[in-house]
Amino acid sequence: MSNEQQINFQEIKEHVTFAHLFRFFDLTHLLEHEGEELTTPCPLCKQKGFTVNFSTNKFSCKNCKKRGSVIDFVSAFKGVGLRESGLILNQLLKQLPLKDHREKSSQAQPQSPPTDAKAPASKLELEELLSTLKEQTAKLQNLITAAENIFAKLNPPPPRRTAKRGQ
């Protein structure tokens, strides 16, 4: 890899998401979804208070005060400068099978979804969908179990009547 390799930071910000990063750095075990935000213990300081906003593709930690884009996250996580962070993310970007992402990046507005956003285009995207479905299924099962327990407590079965013999 050449020291003079070009880094297109805008392209990285537009196409590399935190879901990509967490899978790339094997941090998927930290994910806790809450709508458009992800809340988890901070991979940097290990304390609660780390949030990723998927609509803005930004992160922040209330404890270690780190915040920013995917580039800033990689810089802090790996302990490298922004250029080195860009080089790492260039490698990740090359692994993403986004159709014509280099041509689209000059025309695309930040955060605009691709026109084929509903159809997974790669094995990585399918794995992300499967992982999300498994997480959501587990959460739903926990909610169902909790609801059943509450219902059972609020509606106990009626006491059984025993027939008296000989009367």
Protein backbone atom coordinates (compact mmCIF):
# COMPACT_ATOMS: atom_id res chain seq x y z
CA MET A 1 0.00 0.00 0.00
CA SER A 2 1.47 3.30 -1.08
CA ASN A 3 1.86 6.23 1.31
CA GLU A 4 0.50 8.43 -1.48
CA GLN A 5 -2.79 6.53 -1.80
CA GLN A 6 -5.70 8.90 -2.35
CA ILE A 7 -8.39 8.93 0.33
CA ASN A 8 -11.84 10.21 -0.51
CA PHE A 9 -13.19 11.01 2.97
CA GLN A 10 -16.56 12.14 1.60
CA GLU A 11 -17.04 8.83 -0.21
CA ILE A 12 -16.18 6.96 2.99
CA LYS A 13 -18.67 9.01 5.01
CA GLU A 14 -21.40 8.42 2.43
CA HIS A 15 -20.96 4.67 2.00
CA VAL A 16 -19.43 3.18 5.15
CA THR A 17 -21.95 2.80 7.97
CA PHE A 18 -21.47 1.96 11.61
CA ALA A 19 -23.10 -1.43 10.96
CA HIS A 20 -20.25 -2.09 8.50
CA LEU A 21 -17.69 -0.95 11.07
CA PHE A 22 -19.06 -3.04 13.92
CA ARG A 23 -18.98 -6.13 11.76
CA PHE A 24 -15.53 -5.28 10.37
CA PHE A 25 -14.11 -4.88 13.90
CA ASP A 26 -16.15 -7.83 15.27
CA LEU A 27 -18.13 -5.65 17.70
CA THR A 28 -21.59 -7.02 16.84
CA HIS A 29 -22.01 -8.45 20.35
CA LEU A 30 -22.32 -4.88 21.68
CA LEU A 31 -25.36 -3.89 19.62
CA GLU A 32 -28.65 -2.90 21.27
CA HIS A 33 -31.11 -1.37 18.81
CA GLU A 34 -33.53 1.36 19.82
CA GLY A 35 -35.20 2.72 16.70
CA GLU A 36 -32.91 4.91 14.62
CA GLU A 37 -30.24 4.80 17.32
CA LEU A 38 -27.90 2.14 18.60
CA THR A 39 -26.99 2.24 22.28
CA THR A 40 -24.23 0.11 23.71
CA PRO A 41 -21.27 0.21 26.07
CA CYS A 42 -18.56 2.32 24.47
CA PRO A 43 -15.93 0.29 22.60
CA LEU A 44 -13.45 3.04 23.52
CA CYS A 45 -13.97 3.61 27.27
CA LYS A 46 -16.08 0.47 28.00
CA GLN A 47 -18.74 2.52 29.86
CA LYS A 48 -22.44 2.89 29.05
CA GLY A 49 -23.42 5.97 27.08
CA PHE A 50 -22.20 5.20 23.56
CA THR A 51 -24.78 6.09 20.89
CA VAL A 52 -24.80 5.81 17.11
CA ASN A 53 -27.43 7.72 15.15
CA PHE A 54 -28.00 5.81 11.91
CA SER A 55 -29.80 8.66 10.15
CA THR A 56 -26.78 10.97 10.58
CA ASN A 57 -24.12 8.20 10.65
CA LYS A 58 -22.53 9.85 13.71
CA PHE A 59 -21.48 8.53 17.10
CA SER A 60 -20.97 10.03 20.54
CA CYS A 61 -20.05 8.82 24.00
CA LYS A 62 -21.30 10.67 27.07
CA ASN A 63 -18.40 9.34 29.15
CA CYS A 64 -15.21 9.65 27.11
CA LYS A 65 -16.64 12.61 25.12
CA LYS A 66 -15.57 11.13 21.76
CA ARG A 67 -17.86 11.91 18.85
CA GLY A 68 -17.92 12.21 15.10
CA SER A 69 -18.12 10.20 11.89
CA VAL A 70 -16.99 6.69 10.98
CA ILE A 71 -13.56 8.19 10.28
CA ASP A 72 -13.33 9.67 13.78
CA PHE A 73 -14.49 6.39 15.32
CA VAL A 74 -11.81 4.33 13.56
CA SER A 75 -9.18 6.91 14.50
CA ALA A 76 -10.11 6.67 18.20
CA PHE A 77 -10.74 2.91 18.19
CA LYS A 78 -7.45 2.02 16.51
CA GLY A 79 -5.43 4.86 18.09
CA VAL A 80 -4.34 6.24 14.72
CA GLY A 81 -4.52 9.57 12.93
CA LEU A 82 -7.21 10.54 10.47
CA ARG A 83 -5.11 9.60 7.44
CA GLU A 84 -4.46 6.10 8.78
CA SER A 85 -8.15 5.85 9.64
CA GLY A 86 -8.96 6.78 6.03
CA LEU A 87 -6.61 4.09 4.74
CA ILE A 88 -8.30 1.45 6.92
CA LEU A 89 -11.73 2.60 5.75
CA ASN A 90 -10.58 2.59 2.11
CA GLN A 91 -9.86 -1.13 2.55
CA LEU A 92 -13.31 -1.66 4.06
CA LEU A 93 -14.92 0.38 1.27
CA LYS A 94 -13.24 -1.84 -1.35
CA GLN A 95 -14.79 -4.90 0.32
CA LEU A 96 -18.31 -3.47 0.09
CA PRO A 97 -19.97 -4.57 -3.16
CA LEU A 98 -21.78 -1.28 -3.73
CA LYS A 99 -22.73 -0.89 -7.37
CA ASP A 100 -20.83 1.97 -8.98
CA HIS A 101 -20.35 3.68 -5.61
CA ARG A 102 -17.44 5.75 -6.91
CA GLU A 103 -19.49 7.29 -9.73
CA LYS A 104 -22.56 7.82 -7.52
CA SER A 105 -20.61 9.49 -4.72
CA SER A 106 -20.11 12.71 -6.67
CA GLN A 107 -23.83 12.93 -7.45
CA ALA A 108 -25.35 11.53 -4.25
CA GLN A 109 -26.48 13.74 -1.44
CA PRO A 110 -25.23 12.73 2.02
CA GLN A 111 -27.46 10.18 3.76
CA SER A 112 -29.67 9.59 0.69
CA PRO A 113 -30.46 5.88 0.38
CA PRO A 114 -29.54 4.09 -2.83
CA THR A 115 -32.40 3.45 -5.25
CA ASP A 116 -32.13 -0.30 -4.69
CA ALA A 117 -32.02 -0.01 -0.88
CA LYS A 118 -34.79 -2.59 -0.43
CA ALA A 119 -32.91 -5.37 -2.22
CA PRO A 120 -29.77 -6.68 -0.45
CA ALA A 121 -26.88 -6.50 -2.88
CA SER A 122 -24.29 -8.59 -1.09
CA LYS A 123 -23.59 -11.42 1.28
CA LEU A 124 -22.52 -8.84 3.91
CA GLU A 125 -25.90 -7.07 3.65
CA LEU A 126 -27.74 -10.39 3.91
CA GLU A 127 -25.71 -11.30 6.99
CA GLU A 128 -26.54 -7.90 8.51
CA LEU A 129 -30.25 -8.47 7.84
CA LEU A 130 -30.13 -11.96 9.30
CA SER A 131 -28.32 -10.72 12.40
CA THR A 132 -30.88 -7.94 12.87
CA LEU A 133 -33.77 -10.38 12.42
CA LYS A 134 -32.28 -12.75 15.00
CA GLU A 135 -31.83 -9.90 17.50
CA GLN A 136 -35.37 -8.63 16.94
CA THR A 137 -36.81 -12.16 17.19
CA ALA A 138 -35.08 -12.71 20.54
CA LYS A 139 -36.39 -9.38 21.84
CA LEU A 140 -39.93 -10.23 20.70
CA GLN A 141 -39.75 -13.64 22.34
CA ASN A 142 -38.68 -12.00 25.61
CA LEU A 143 -41.60 -9.56 25.36
CA ILE A 144 -44.06 -12.38 24.69
CA THR A 145 -42.76 -14.35 27.68
CA ALA A 146 -43.00 -11.28 29.92
CA ALA A 147 -46.55 -10.56 28.71
CA GLU A 148 -47.59 -14.17 29.33
CA ASN A 149 -46.16 -14.01 32.87
CA ILE A 150 -48.00 -10.77 33.61
CA PHE A 151 -51.24 -12.19 32.18
CA ALA A 152 -50.88 -15.32 34.31
CA LYS A 153 -50.39 -13.21 37.47
CA LEU A 154 -53.35 -10.95 36.69
CA ASN A 155 -55.64 -13.82 35.65
CA PRO A 156 -54.95 -16.83 37.86
CA PRO A 157 -56.95 -19.95 37.04
CA PRO A 158 -60.14 -20.33 39.08
CA PRO A 159 -59.87 -22.64 42.10
CA ARG A 160 -60.97 -26.19 41.46
CA ARG A 161 -64.14 -27.35 43.09
CA THR A 162 -63.93 -30.64 44.79
CA ALA A 163 -67.04 -32.71 45.06
CA LYS A 164 -67.92 -33.80 48.58
CA ARG A 165 -68.60 -37.49 48.74
CA GLY A 166 -71.50 -38.92 50.55
CA GLN A 167 -73.63 -35.81 50.70
